[in-house]
Amino acid sequence: MKKIFVTGGAGYIGSICVEELLNRGFEVSVFDNLTEGHRKAVDHRATFFQGDLGDRDVVRHAFSQAKPDAVMHFAANALVGESMSNPSKYFRNNVACGLNLLDAAVEAGVSKFVFSSTCATFGIPERMPIDESLPQCPINPYGESKLMFESILRWYREIHGLSFVALRYFNAAGASERFGEDHRIETHLIPNILKVALGQRESVEIFGTDYPTPDGTCVRDYIHILDLAQAHILAVQSEKSGFYNLGTGGGTSVREVITACERVTGRSIRADEKPRRAGDPPRLIAASEKIRADLGWNPRFQAIGPIVESAWAWHQRHPLGYGD
């Protein structure tokens, strides 16, 4: 399996997975409409197709040119708040457009489909850490759209024989040496903290300081983007099909992330305390024993420090992101 078709390969996670695939000798085609991604984030070694998954003919044409053995599907809308105000956009792009991709993959005889899912499919979980046996009860259209596509994958495997792996993760963070995180609307904690260190923001907001956690702020499971890429590469090479939760199994609070960023940057970070946001659980930590056992995944980065160091190094080189 050498030819990989990557949707959303101009985005944060997709671009670094493309880089790692190419480093390992795969042939990669990137398909992206560049509404959220950046042309500069596409590795020059990849073949690039600019197009929209909403256009079935454009997708089919790209497949006819790329002739892929496997697909990695990252393209999606992923803002929880926006999904609550515009659910149509999320079901249309994350489900209907995904179906266009799946149908093209089946028609082209693709043998493997790796899907970028999310632990948001679990909603507010019954216990921690979150393993694959917990019920999936999403609390927003974003999580629901990803869960719907997971269900579609099960049926496409049963009916069409398409092998798949869906990877559910929360907080991708960090950077490679060449590619990093640059969202047009930045909601992620670490890049927003680093914007304060760069002098681009006055402060970072802490939403809720009275949670039942050691320091009162939310605890999340941060996973280095390179470990995430490794999981996708193992998934595309595996003969197994299934769903896997992805995390380091550790948790870092909002205050601990801010402290780590201050230590790495050597700069003081002002934090403004705000009320809790609706629907934010106190702790979200993913259990990843299943993917470790089945696919041999072994994350290299367990602590928040090296994750922040890689992100800071990239943001220092690219203070304006891909617009610099």
C-alpha atoms as a PDB file:
ATOM      1  CA  MET A   1       0.000   0.000   0.000  1.00  0.00           C
ATOM      2  CA  LYS A   2       1.942   2.977  -1.284  1.00  0.00           C
ATOM      3  CA  LYS A   3      -0.451   5.613  -2.646  1.00  0.00           C
ATOM      4  CA  ILE A   4      -2.386   7.578  -0.036  1.00  0.00           C
ATOM      5  CA  PHE A   5      -5.128  10.136  -0.793  1.00  0.00           C
ATOM      6  CA  VAL A   6      -5.349  12.700   2.018  1.00  0.00           C
ATOM      7  CA  THR A   7      -8.328  15.033   2.350  1.00  0.00           C
ATOM      8  CA  GLY A   8      -7.718  18.129   4.439  1.00  0.00           C
ATOM      9  CA  GLY A   9      -3.992  17.747   3.848  1.00  0.00           C
ATOM     10  CA  ALA A  10      -3.527  21.536   3.902  1.00  0.00           C
ATOM     11  CA  GLY A  11      -4.839  21.719   7.475  1.00  0.00           C
ATOM     12  CA  TYR A  12      -2.999  21.413  10.766  1.00  0.00           C
ATOM     13  CA  ILE A  13      -3.216  17.685  11.436  1.00  0.00           C
ATOM     14  CA  GLY A  14      -3.424  16.659   7.789  1.00  0.00           C
ATOM     15  CA  SER A  15      -0.328  18.592   6.711  1.00  0.00           C
ATOM     16  CA  ILE A  16       1.898  16.930   9.308  1.00  0.00           C
ATOM     17  CA  CYS A  17       0.496  13.480   8.569  1.00  0.00           C
ATOM     18  CA  VAL A  18       1.275  14.121   4.883  1.00  0.00           C
ATOM     19  CA  GLU A  19       4.837  15.118   5.797  1.00  0.00           C
ATOM     20  CA  GLU A  20       5.328  11.961   7.878  1.00  0.00           C
ATOM     21  CA  LEU A  21       3.851   9.729   5.154  1.00  0.00           C
ATOM     22  CA  LEU A  22       6.242  11.197   2.595  1.00  0.00           C
ATOM     23  CA  ASN A  23       9.173  10.766   4.984  1.00  0.00           C
ATOM     24  CA  ARG A  24       8.302   7.068   5.128  1.00  0.00           C
ATOM     25  CA  GLY A  25       8.262   6.627   1.361  1.00  0.00           C
ATOM     26  CA  PHE A  26       4.539   6.788   0.605  1.00  0.00           C
ATOM     27  CA  GLU A  27       3.210   8.568  -2.473  1.00  0.00           C
ATOM     28  CA  VAL A  28       0.717  11.185  -1.311  1.00  0.00           C
ATOM     29  CA  SER A  29      -2.034  13.151  -3.017  1.00  0.00           C
ATOM     30  CA  VAL A  30      -3.625  16.009  -1.084  1.00  0.00           C
ATOM     31  CA  PHE A  31      -7.213  17.099  -1.708  1.00  0.00           C
ATOM     32  CA  ASP A  32      -8.275  20.351  -0.032  1.00  0.00           C
ATOM     33  CA  ASN A  33     -10.568  23.284  -0.818  1.00  0.00           C
ATOM     34  CA  LEU A  34      -8.328  25.682   1.171  1.00  0.00           C
ATOM     35  CA  THR A  35     -11.257  27.257   3.047  1.00  0.00           C
ATOM     36  CA  GLU A  36      -9.539  26.354   6.315  1.00  0.00           C
ATOM     37  CA  GLY A  37      -6.188  24.953   5.165  1.00  0.00           C
ATOM     38  CA  HIS A  38      -3.203  26.733   3.648  1.00  0.00           C
ATOM     39  CA  ARG A  39      -1.500  26.070   0.343  1.00  0.00           C
ATOM     40  CA  LYS A  40       1.880  26.702   2.026  1.00  0.00           C
ATOM     41  CA  ALA A  41       1.109  23.873   4.450  1.00  0.00           C
ATOM     42  CA  VAL A  42       1.093  21.280   1.656  1.00  0.00           C
ATOM     43  CA  ASP A  43       4.413  19.464   1.450  1.00  0.00           C
ATOM     44  CA  HIS A  44       6.022  20.169  -1.932  1.00  0.00           C
ATOM     45  CA  ARG A  45       6.601  16.443  -2.440  1.00  0.00           C
ATOM     46  CA  ALA A  46       2.849  15.755  -2.518  1.00  0.00           C
ATOM     47  CA  THR A  47       0.534  16.055  -5.512  1.00  0.00           C
ATOM     48  CA  PHE A  48      -2.069  18.727  -4.777  1.00  0.00           C
ATOM     49  CA  PHE A  49      -5.680  18.800  -5.950  1.00  0.00           C
ATOM     50  CA  GLN A  50      -7.704  21.860  -5.031  1.00  0.00           C
ATOM     51  CA  GLY A  51     -11.339  20.860  -4.901  1.00  0.00           C
ATOM     52  CA  ASP A  52     -14.408  20.462  -2.749  1.00  0.00           C
ATOM     53  CA  LEU A  53     -15.793  17.178  -1.463  1.00  0.00           C
ATOM     54  CA  GLY A  54     -19.255  18.539  -2.200  1.00  0.00           C
ATOM     55  CA  ASP A  55     -18.575  18.099  -5.942  1.00  0.00           C
ATOM     56  CA  ARG A  56     -18.770  14.371  -6.703  1.00  0.00           C
ATOM     57  CA  ASP A  57     -17.333  14.778 -10.207  1.00  0.00           C
ATOM     58  CA  VAL A  58     -14.291  16.687  -8.936  1.00  0.00           C
ATOM     59  CA  VAL A  59     -13.674  14.014  -6.312  1.00  0.00           C
ATOM     60  CA  ARG A  60     -13.965  11.214  -8.893  1.00  0.00           C
ATOM     61  CA  HIS A  61     -11.585  13.029 -11.237  1.00  0.00           C
ATOM     62  CA  ALA A  62      -8.990  13.407  -8.463  1.00  0.00           C
ATOM     63  CA  PHE A  63      -9.265   9.679  -7.713  1.00  0.00           C
ATOM     64  CA  SER A  64      -8.821   8.829 -11.394  1.00  0.00           C
ATOM     65  CA  GLN A  65      -5.589  10.847 -11.423  1.00  0.00           C
ATOM     66  CA  ALA A  66      -4.217   9.749  -8.036  1.00  0.00           C
ATOM     67  CA  LYS A  67      -5.208   6.053  -8.196  1.00  0.00           C
ATOM     68  CA  PRO A  68      -4.853   5.668  -4.422  1.00  0.00           C
ATOM     69  CA  ASP A  69      -4.600   2.463  -2.424  1.00  0.00           C
ATOM     70  CA  ALA A  70      -5.911   4.125   0.732  1.00  0.00           C
ATOM     71  CA  VAL A  71      -7.618   7.292   1.976  1.00  0.00           C
ATOM     72  CA  MET A  72      -6.949   9.416   5.066  1.00  0.00           C
ATOM     73  CA  HIS A  73      -9.913  11.678   5.695  1.00  0.00           C
ATOM     74  CA  PHE A  74      -9.187  14.801   7.769  1.00  0.00           C
ATOM     75  CA  ALA A  75     -11.357  17.348   5.950  1.00  0.00           C
ATOM     76  CA  ALA A  76     -14.119  18.574   8.265  1.00  0.00           C
ATOM     77  CA  ASN A  77     -15.559  21.526  10.079  1.00  0.00           C
ATOM     78  CA  ALA A  78     -14.570  21.269  13.718  1.00  0.00           C
ATOM     79  CA  LEU A  79     -15.788  24.252  15.758  1.00  0.00           C
ATOM     80  CA  VAL A  80     -18.156  23.044  18.467  1.00  0.00           C
ATOM     81  CA  GLY A  81     -19.712  26.458  19.068  1.00  0.00           C
ATOM     82  CA  GLU A  82     -20.345  27.042  15.380  1.00  0.00           C
ATOM     83  CA  SER A  83     -21.973  23.625  15.093  1.00  0.00           C
ATOM     84  CA  MET A  84     -24.509  24.721  17.720  1.00  0.00           C
ATOM     85  CA  SER A  85     -25.462  27.809  15.695  1.00  0.00           C
ATOM     86  CA  ASN A  86     -25.170  26.293  12.194  1.00  0.00           C
ATOM     87  CA  PRO A  87     -25.840  22.537  12.379  1.00  0.00           C
ATOM     88  CA  SER A  88     -26.650  22.364   8.664  1.00  0.00           C
ATOM     89  CA  LYS A  89     -23.047  23.254   7.773  1.00  0.00           C
ATOM     90  CA  TYR A  90     -21.728  20.427   9.951  1.00  0.00           C
ATOM     91  CA  PHE A  91     -24.064  17.694   8.775  1.00  0.00           C
ATOM     92  CA  ARG A  92     -23.632  18.790   5.161  1.00  0.00           C
ATOM     93  CA  ASN A  93     -19.829  18.999   5.197  1.00  0.00           C
ATOM     94  CA  ASN A  94     -18.948  16.281   7.703  1.00  0.00           C
ATOM     95  CA  VAL A  95     -21.537  13.713   6.610  1.00  0.00           C
ATOM     96  CA  ALA A  96     -22.916  14.392   3.109  1.00  0.00           C
ATOM     97  CA  CYS A  97     -19.571  15.453   1.634  1.00  0.00           C
ATOM     98  CA  GLY A  98     -17.916  12.537   3.383  1.00  0.00           C
ATOM     99  CA  LEU A  99     -20.315  10.224   1.580  1.00  0.00           C
ATOM    100  CA  ASN A 100     -19.094  11.584  -1.748  1.00  0.00           C
ATOM    101  CA  LEU A 101     -15.570  10.630  -0.712  1.00  0.00           C
ATOM    102  CA  LEU A 102     -16.603   7.164   0.463  1.00  0.00           C
ATOM    103  CA  ASP A 103     -18.472   6.462  -2.760  1.00  0.00           C
ATOM    104  CA  ALA A 104     -15.488   7.543  -4.845  1.00  0.00           C
ATOM    105  CA  ALA A 105     -13.246   5.315  -2.743  1.00  0.00           C
ATOM    106  CA  VAL A 106     -15.487   2.287  -3.265  1.00  0.00           C
ATOM    107  CA  GLU A 107     -15.735   2.948  -7.006  1.00  0.00           C
ATOM    108  CA  ALA A 108     -11.936   3.246  -7.240  1.00  0.00           C
ATOM    109  CA  GLY A 109     -11.347  -0.018  -5.371  1.00  0.00           C
ATOM    110  CA  VAL A 110      -9.623   1.632  -2.393  1.00  0.00           C
ATOM    111  CA  SER A 111      -8.772  -0.997   0.195  1.00  0.00           C
ATOM    112  CA  LYS A 112      -8.357   1.140   3.350  1.00  0.00           C
ATOM    113  CA  PHE A 113     -10.031   4.222   4.813  1.00  0.00           C
ATOM    114  CA  VAL A 114      -8.643   6.042   7.874  1.00  0.00           C
ATOM    115  CA  PHE A 115     -11.020   8.524   9.456  1.00  0.00           C
ATOM    116  CA  SER A 116     -10.115  11.433  11.722  1.00  0.00           C
ATOM    117  CA  SER A 117     -12.836  11.183  14.351  1.00  0.00           C
ATOM    118  CA  THR A 118     -13.099  12.695  17.809  1.00  0.00           C
ATOM    119  CA  CYS A 119     -13.751  11.814  21.428  1.00  0.00           C
ATOM    120  CA  ALA A 120     -16.550  14.391  21.196  1.00  0.00           C
ATOM    121  CA  THR A 121     -18.675  11.450  20.039  1.00  0.00           C
ATOM    122  CA  PHE A 122     -18.816  10.427  23.723  1.00  0.00           C
ATOM    123  CA  GLY A 123     -20.287  13.710  24.946  1.00  0.00           C
ATOM    124  CA  ILE A 124     -19.920  13.971  28.723  1.00  0.00           C
ATOM    125  CA  PRO A 125     -18.550  10.531  29.600  1.00  0.00           C
ATOM    126  CA  GLU A 126     -19.667   8.405  32.510  1.00  0.00           C
ATOM    127  CA  ARG A 127     -16.113   7.752  33.709  1.00  0.00           C
ATOM    128  CA  MET A 128     -12.434   8.431  33.075  1.00  0.00           C
ATOM    129  CA  PRO A 129     -10.369   7.557  31.193  1.00  0.00           C
ATOM    130  CA  ILE A 130     -12.600   7.224  28.133  1.00  0.00           C
ATOM    131  CA  ASP A 131     -12.323   3.758  26.609  1.00  0.00           C
ATOM    132  CA  GLU A 132     -14.069   2.335  23.565  1.00  0.00           C
ATOM    133  CA  SER A 133     -16.759   0.550  25.607  1.00  0.00           C
ATOM    134  CA  LEU A 134     -18.382   3.767  26.869  1.00  0.00           C
ATOM    135  CA  PRO A 135     -21.704   4.826  25.304  1.00  0.00           C
ATOM    136  CA  GLN A 136     -21.460   7.541  22.668  1.00  0.00           C
ATOM    137  CA  CYS A 137     -23.831  10.402  23.455  1.00  0.00           C
ATOM    138  CA  PRO A 138     -22.640  13.556  21.671  1.00  0.00           C
ATOM    139  CA  ILE A 139     -23.892  16.875  23.020  1.00  0.00           C
ATOM    140  CA  ASN A 140     -23.339  19.001  19.899  1.00  0.00           C
ATOM    141  CA  PRO A 141     -23.822  18.657  16.125  1.00  0.00           C
ATOM    142  CA  TYR A 142     -20.059  18.439  15.583  1.00  0.00           C
ATOM    143  CA  GLY A 143     -19.766  15.287  17.705  1.00  0.00           C
ATOM    144  CA  GLU A 144     -23.002  13.938  16.237  1.00  0.00           C
ATOM    145  CA  SER A 145     -21.754  14.426  12.676  1.00  0.00           C
ATOM    146  CA  LYS A 146     -18.585  12.462  13.439  1.00  0.00           C
ATOM    147  CA  LEU A 147     -20.577   9.681  15.107  1.00  0.00           C
ATOM    148  CA  MET A 148     -22.889   9.479  12.103  1.00  0.00           C
ATOM    149  CA  PHE A 149     -19.911   9.027   9.808  1.00  0.00           C
ATOM    150  CA  GLU A 150     -18.512   6.309  12.073  1.00  0.00           C
ATOM    151  CA  SER A 151     -21.815   4.448  11.659  1.00  0.00           C
ATOM    152  CA  ILE A 152     -21.651   4.880   7.890  1.00  0.00           C
ATOM    153  CA  LEU A 153     -18.144   3.391   7.870  1.00  0.00           C
ATOM    154  CA  ARG A 154     -19.433   0.265   9.638  1.00  0.00           C
ATOM    155  CA  TRP A 155     -22.085  -0.253   6.984  1.00  0.00           C
ATOM    156  CA  TYR A 156     -19.669   0.404   4.098  1.00  0.00           C
ATOM    157  CA  ARG A 157     -17.382  -2.248   5.496  1.00  0.00           C
ATOM    158  CA  GLU A 158     -20.241  -4.737   5.790  1.00  0.00           C
ATOM    159  CA  ILE A 159     -21.751  -3.990   2.384  1.00  0.00           C
ATOM    160  CA  HIS A 160     -18.741  -2.932   0.282  1.00  0.00           C
ATOM    161  CA  GLY A 161     -15.877  -4.623   2.146  1.00  0.00           C
ATOM    162  CA  LEU A 162     -14.075  -1.325   2.747  1.00  0.00           C
ATOM    163  CA  SER A 163     -11.620  -1.769   5.610  1.00  0.00           C
ATOM    164  CA  PHE A 164     -11.477   1.241   7.929  1.00  0.00           C
ATOM    165  CA  VAL A 165      -9.952   2.644  11.090  1.00  0.00           C
ATOM    166  CA  ALA A 166     -11.538   5.580  12.940  1.00  0.00           C
ATOM    167  CA  LEU A 167      -9.261   7.401  15.384  1.00  0.00           C
ATOM    168  CA  ARG A 168     -10.913   9.414  18.153  1.00  0.00           C
ATOM    169  CA  TYR A 169      -8.793  12.066  19.842  1.00  0.00           C
ATOM    170  CA  PHE A 170      -9.139  15.327  21.715  1.00  0.00           C
ATOM    171  CA  ASN A 171      -6.309  17.781  21.943  1.00  0.00           C
ATOM    172  CA  ALA A 172      -3.781  17.566  19.137  1.00  0.00           C
ATOM    173  CA  ALA A 173      -0.916  19.944  19.882  1.00  0.00           C
ATOM    174  CA  GLY A 174       2.667  20.755  18.976  1.00  0.00           C
ATOM    175  CA  ALA A 175       4.352  20.997  15.594  1.00  0.00           C
ATOM    176  CA  SER A 176       6.910  19.417  13.335  1.00  0.00           C
ATOM    177  CA  GLU A 177       9.926  21.457  12.281  1.00  0.00           C
ATOM    178  CA  ARG A 178       8.230  22.497   9.031  1.00  0.00           C
ATOM    179  CA  PHE A 179       4.512  22.613   9.765  1.00  0.00           C
ATOM    180  CA  GLY A 180       2.398  23.893  12.638  1.00  0.00           C
ATOM    181  CA  GLU A 181      -0.954  25.156  13.837  1.00  0.00           C
ATOM    182  CA  ASP A 182      -2.526  28.141  12.076  1.00  0.00           C
ATOM    183  CA  HIS A 183      -6.315  28.239  12.187  1.00  0.00           C
ATOM    184  CA  ARG A 184      -8.253  31.172  10.770  1.00  0.00           C
ATOM    185  CA  ILE A 185     -10.392  31.057  13.900  1.00  0.00           C
ATOM    186  CA  GLU A 186      -8.103  29.870  16.698  1.00  0.00           C
ATOM    187  CA  THR A 187      -9.910  28.148  19.556  1.00  0.00           C
ATOM    188  CA  HIS A 188      -7.094  25.889  20.783  1.00  0.00           C
ATOM    189  CA  LEU A 189      -5.442  26.719  24.080  1.00  0.00           C
ATOM    190  CA  ILE A 190      -1.720  26.364  23.326  1.00  0.00           C
ATOM    191  CA  PRO A 191      -1.545  28.572  20.211  1.00  0.00           C
ATOM    192  CA  ASN A 192      -3.679  31.205  21.938  1.00  0.00           C
ATOM    193  CA  ILE A 193      -1.316  31.206  24.929  1.00  0.00           C
ATOM    194  CA  LEU A 194       1.681  31.494  22.597  1.00  0.00           C
ATOM    195  CA  LYS A 195       0.040  34.475  20.892  1.00  0.00           C
ATOM    196  CA  VAL A 196       0.303  36.251  24.264  1.00  0.00           C
ATOM    197  CA  ALA A 197       3.995  35.334  24.457  1.00  0.00           C
ATOM    198  CA  LEU A 198       4.449  36.710  20.922  1.00  0.00           C
ATOM    199  CA  GLY A 199       2.741  39.968  21.880  1.00  0.00           C
ATOM    200  CA  GLN A 200      -0.200  39.347  19.563  1.00  0.00           C
ATOM    201  CA  ARG A 201      -2.760  39.053  22.366  1.00  0.00           C
ATOM    202  CA  GLU A 202      -2.964  40.769  25.736  1.00  0.00           C
ATOM    203  CA  SER A 203      -4.178  37.706  27.604  1.00  0.00           C
ATOM    204  CA  VAL A 204      -5.561  34.197  27.400  1.00  0.00           C
ATOM    205  CA  GLU A 205      -8.929  33.265  28.879  1.00  0.00           C
ATOM    206  CA  ILE A 206      -9.511  30.566  31.471  1.00  0.00           C
ATOM    207  CA  PHE A 207     -13.117  29.387  31.321  1.00  0.00           C
ATOM    208  CA  GLY A 208     -13.956  28.138  34.796  1.00  0.00           C
ATOM    209  CA  THR A 209     -11.742  28.002  37.872  1.00  0.00           C
ATOM    210  CA  ASP A 210     -14.058  26.089  40.214  1.00  0.00           C
ATOM    211  CA  TYR A 211     -14.000  22.611  38.703  1.00  0.00           C
ATOM    212  CA  PRO A 212     -13.407  19.558  40.938  1.00  0.00           C
ATOM    213  CA  THR A 213      -9.801  19.276  39.734  1.00  0.00           C
ATOM    214  CA  PRO A 214      -6.535  19.895  41.647  1.00  0.00           C
ATOM    215  CA  ASP A 215      -6.296  23.557  40.603  1.00  0.00           C
ATOM    216  CA  GLY A 216      -9.934  24.205  39.687  1.00  0.00           C
ATOM    217  CA  THR A 217      -9.379  24.386  35.908  1.00  0.00           C
ATOM    218  CA  CYS A 218     -10.337  21.849  33.237  1.00  0.00           C
ATOM    219  CA  VAL A 219      -8.007  18.917  32.618  1.00  0.00           C
ATOM    220  CA  ARG A 220      -7.437  17.637  29.090  1.00  0.00           C
ATOM    221  CA  ASP A 221      -5.347  14.964  27.357  1.00  0.00           C
ATOM    222  CA  TYR A 222      -2.815  16.580  25.006  1.00  0.00           C
ATOM    223  CA  ILE A 223      -1.245  14.463  22.273  1.00  0.00           C
ATOM    224  CA  HIS A 224       1.747  15.512  20.193  1.00  0.00           C
ATOM    225  CA  ILE A 225       0.930  15.900  16.517  1.00  0.00           C
ATOM    226  CA  LEU A 226       3.822  13.585  15.563  1.00  0.00           C
ATOM    227  CA  ASP A 227       2.405  10.822  17.778  1.00  0.00           C
ATOM    228  CA  LEU A 228      -0.949  11.420  16.140  1.00  0.00           C
ATOM    229  CA  ALA A 229       0.630  11.070  12.706  1.00  0.00           C
ATOM    230  CA  GLN A 230       2.281   7.823  13.775  1.00  0.00           C
ATOM    231  CA  ALA A 231      -1.128   6.436  14.775  1.00  0.00           C
ATOM    232  CA  HIS A 232      -2.581   7.261  11.359  1.00  0.00           C
ATOM    233  CA  ILE A 233       0.324   5.621   9.556  1.00  0.00           C
ATOM    234  CA  LEU A 234      -0.014   2.466  11.660  1.00  0.00           C
ATOM    235  CA  ALA A 235      -3.759   2.488  10.963  1.00  0.00           C
ATOM    236  CA  VAL A 236      -3.386   2.746   7.194  1.00  0.00           C
ATOM    237  CA  GLN A 237      -0.943  -0.177   7.178  1.00  0.00           C
ATOM    238  CA  SER A 238      -3.041  -2.375   9.451  1.00  0.00           C
ATOM    239  CA  GLU A 239      -5.335  -5.111   8.204  1.00  0.00           C
ATOM    240  CA  LYS A 240      -7.659  -4.471  11.137  1.00  0.00           C
ATOM    241  CA  SER A 241     -10.864  -2.451  11.055  1.00  0.00           C
ATOM    242  CA  GLY A 242     -12.271  -0.673  14.071  1.00  0.00           C
ATOM    243  CA  PHE A 243     -12.517   2.322  16.342  1.00  0.00           C
ATOM    244  CA  TYR A 244      -9.684   3.515  18.571  1.00  0.00           C
ATOM    245  CA  ASN A 245      -9.448   6.208  21.232  1.00  0.00           C
ATOM    246  CA  LEU A 246      -6.209   8.113  21.150  1.00  0.00           C
ATOM    247  CA  GLY A 247      -4.463   9.890  23.996  1.00  0.00           C
ATOM    248  CA  THR A 248      -1.450   9.704  26.240  1.00  0.00           C
ATOM    249  CA  GLY A 249      -3.589   8.694  29.220  1.00  0.00           C
ATOM    250  CA  GLY A 250      -2.342  11.668  31.202  1.00  0.00           C
ATOM    251  CA  GLY A 251      -4.046  14.960  31.894  1.00  0.00           C
ATOM    252  CA  THR A 252      -2.901  18.575  32.024  1.00  0.00           C
ATOM    253  CA  SER A 253      -4.959  21.418  33.462  1.00  0.00           C
ATOM    254  CA  VAL A 254      -5.404  24.801  31.814  1.00  0.00           C
ATOM    255  CA  ARG A 255      -3.242  26.427  34.479  1.00  0.00           C
ATOM    256  CA  GLU A 256      -0.553  23.769  34.031  1.00  0.00           C
ATOM    257  CA  VAL A 257      -0.489  24.431  30.275  1.00  0.00           C
ATOM    258  CA  ILE A 258      -0.089  28.159  30.910  1.00  0.00           C
ATOM    259  CA  THR A 259       2.745  27.488  33.373  1.00  0.00           C
ATOM    260  CA  ALA A 260       4.463  25.202  30.847  1.00  0.00           C
ATOM    261  CA  CYS A 261       4.191  27.906  28.177  1.00  0.00           C
ATOM    262  CA  GLU A 262       5.698  30.480  30.549  1.00  0.00           C
ATOM    263  CA  ARG A 263       8.582  28.131  31.322  1.00  0.00           C
ATOM    264  CA  VAL A 264       9.266  27.341  27.653  1.00  0.00           C
ATOM    265  CA  THR A 265       8.944  30.904  26.348  1.00  0.00           C
ATOM    266  CA  GLY A 266      10.524  32.623  29.331  1.00  0.00           C
ATOM    267  CA  ARG A 267       7.696  35.144  29.220  1.00  0.00           C
ATOM    268  CA  SER A 268       4.858  35.991  31.574  1.00  0.00           C
ATOM    269  CA  ILE A 269       1.390  35.015  30.347  1.00  0.00           C
ATOM    270  CA  ARG A 270      -1.554  37.045  31.587  1.00  0.00           C
ATOM    271  CA  ALA A 271      -4.671  34.936  32.157  1.00  0.00           C
ATOM    272  CA  ASP A 272      -8.210  36.318  32.522  1.00  0.00           C
ATOM    273  CA  GLU A 273     -10.568  34.177  34.539  1.00  0.00           C
ATOM    274  CA  LYS A 274     -14.022  33.759  33.013  1.00  0.00           C
ATOM    275  CA  PRO A 275     -17.128  31.787  34.012  1.00  0.00           C
ATOM    276  CA  ARG A 276     -17.478  28.166  32.959  1.00  0.00           C
ATOM    277  CA  ARG A 277     -18.642  27.420  29.430  1.00  0.00           C
ATOM    278  CA  ALA A 278     -21.736  25.253  29.107  1.00  0.00           C
ATOM    279  CA  GLY A 279     -20.949  21.609  28.370  1.00  0.00           C
ATOM    280  CA  ASP A 280     -17.279  21.635  29.402  1.00  0.00           C
ATOM    281  CA  PRO A 281     -16.576  18.488  31.468  1.00  0.00           C
ATOM    282  CA  PRO A 282     -14.012  18.851  34.280  1.00  0.00           C
ATOM    283  CA  ARG A 283     -11.734  16.117  32.892  1.00  0.00           C
ATOM    284  CA  LEU A 284     -11.405  14.492  29.476  1.00  0.00           C
ATOM    285  CA  ILE A 285      -8.758  11.807  29.196  1.00  0.00           C
ATOM    286  CA  ALA A 286      -8.638   9.087  26.546  1.00  0.00           C
ATOM    287  CA  ALA A 287      -7.683   5.488  27.241  1.00  0.00           C
ATOM    288  CA  SER A 288      -5.541   4.147  24.424  1.00  0.00           C
ATOM    289  CA  GLU A 289      -4.741   0.585  25.524  1.00  0.00           C
ATOM    290  CA  LYS A 290      -6.660  -0.859  22.581  1.00  0.00           C
ATOM    291  CA  ILE A 291      -4.629   0.875  19.861  1.00  0.00           C
ATOM    292  CA  ARG A 292      -1.404   0.131  21.714  1.00  0.00           C
ATOM    293  CA  ALA A 293      -2.299  -3.578  21.782  1.00  0.00           C
ATOM    294  CA  ASP A 294      -3.802  -3.881  18.293  1.00  0.00           C
ATOM    295  CA  LEU A 295      -1.592  -1.564  16.237  1.00  0.00           C
ATOM    296  CA  GLY A 296       1.532  -1.240  18.370  1.00  0.00           C
ATOM    297  CA  TRP A 297       1.139   2.498  18.835  1.00  0.00           C
ATOM    298  CA  ASN A 298       3.599   3.932  21.356  1.00  0.00           C
ATOM    299  CA  PRO A 299       3.544   7.721  21.819  1.00  0.00           C
ATOM    300  CA  ARG A 300       6.944   9.317  22.280  1.00  0.00           C
ATOM    301  CA  PHE A 301       5.759  12.504  23.971  1.00  0.00           C
ATOM    302  CA  GLN A 302       4.073  11.956  27.341  1.00  0.00           C
ATOM    303  CA  ALA A 303       4.649  15.357  28.972  1.00  0.00           C
ATOM    304  CA  ILE A 304       3.281  18.759  28.039  1.00  0.00           C
ATOM    305  CA  GLY A 305       6.743  20.404  28.011  1.00  0.00           C
ATOM    306  CA  PRO A 306       8.100  18.932  24.754  1.00  0.00           C
ATOM    307  CA  ILE A 307       4.733  19.507  23.062  1.00  0.00           C
ATOM    308  CA  VAL A 308       4.845  23.203  23.937  1.00  0.00           C
ATOM    309  CA  GLU A 309       8.538  23.431  22.958  1.00  0.00           C
ATOM    310  CA  SER A 310       7.802  22.170  19.435  1.00  0.00           C
ATOM    311  CA  ALA A 311       4.849  24.549  19.053  1.00  0.00           C
ATOM    312  CA  TRP A 312       6.848  27.541  20.328  1.00  0.00           C
ATOM    313  CA  ALA A 313       9.746  26.809  17.990  1.00  0.00           C
ATOM    314  CA  TRP A 314       7.378  26.789  15.011  1.00  0.00           C
ATOM    315  CA  HIS A 315       5.477  29.922  16.064  1.00  0.00           C
ATOM    316  CA  GLN A 316       8.749  31.794  16.570  1.00  0.00           C
ATOM    317  CA  ARG A 317       9.742  30.948  12.998  1.00  0.00           C
ATOM    318  CA  HIS A 318       6.240  31.724  11.725  1.00  0.00           C
ATOM    319  CA  PRO A 319       4.830  34.465  13.976  1.00  0.00           C
ATOM    320  CA  LEU A 320       2.070  35.185  11.453  1.00  0.00           C
ATOM    321  CA  GLY A 321       1.465  31.528  10.689  1.00  0.00           C
ATOM    322  CA  TYR A 322       1.401  30.712   6.996  1.00  0.00           C
ATOM    323  CA  GLY A 323       0.718  34.354   6.202  1.00  0.00           C
ATOM    324  CA  ASP A 324       4.267  35.429   7.050  1.00  0.00           C
END
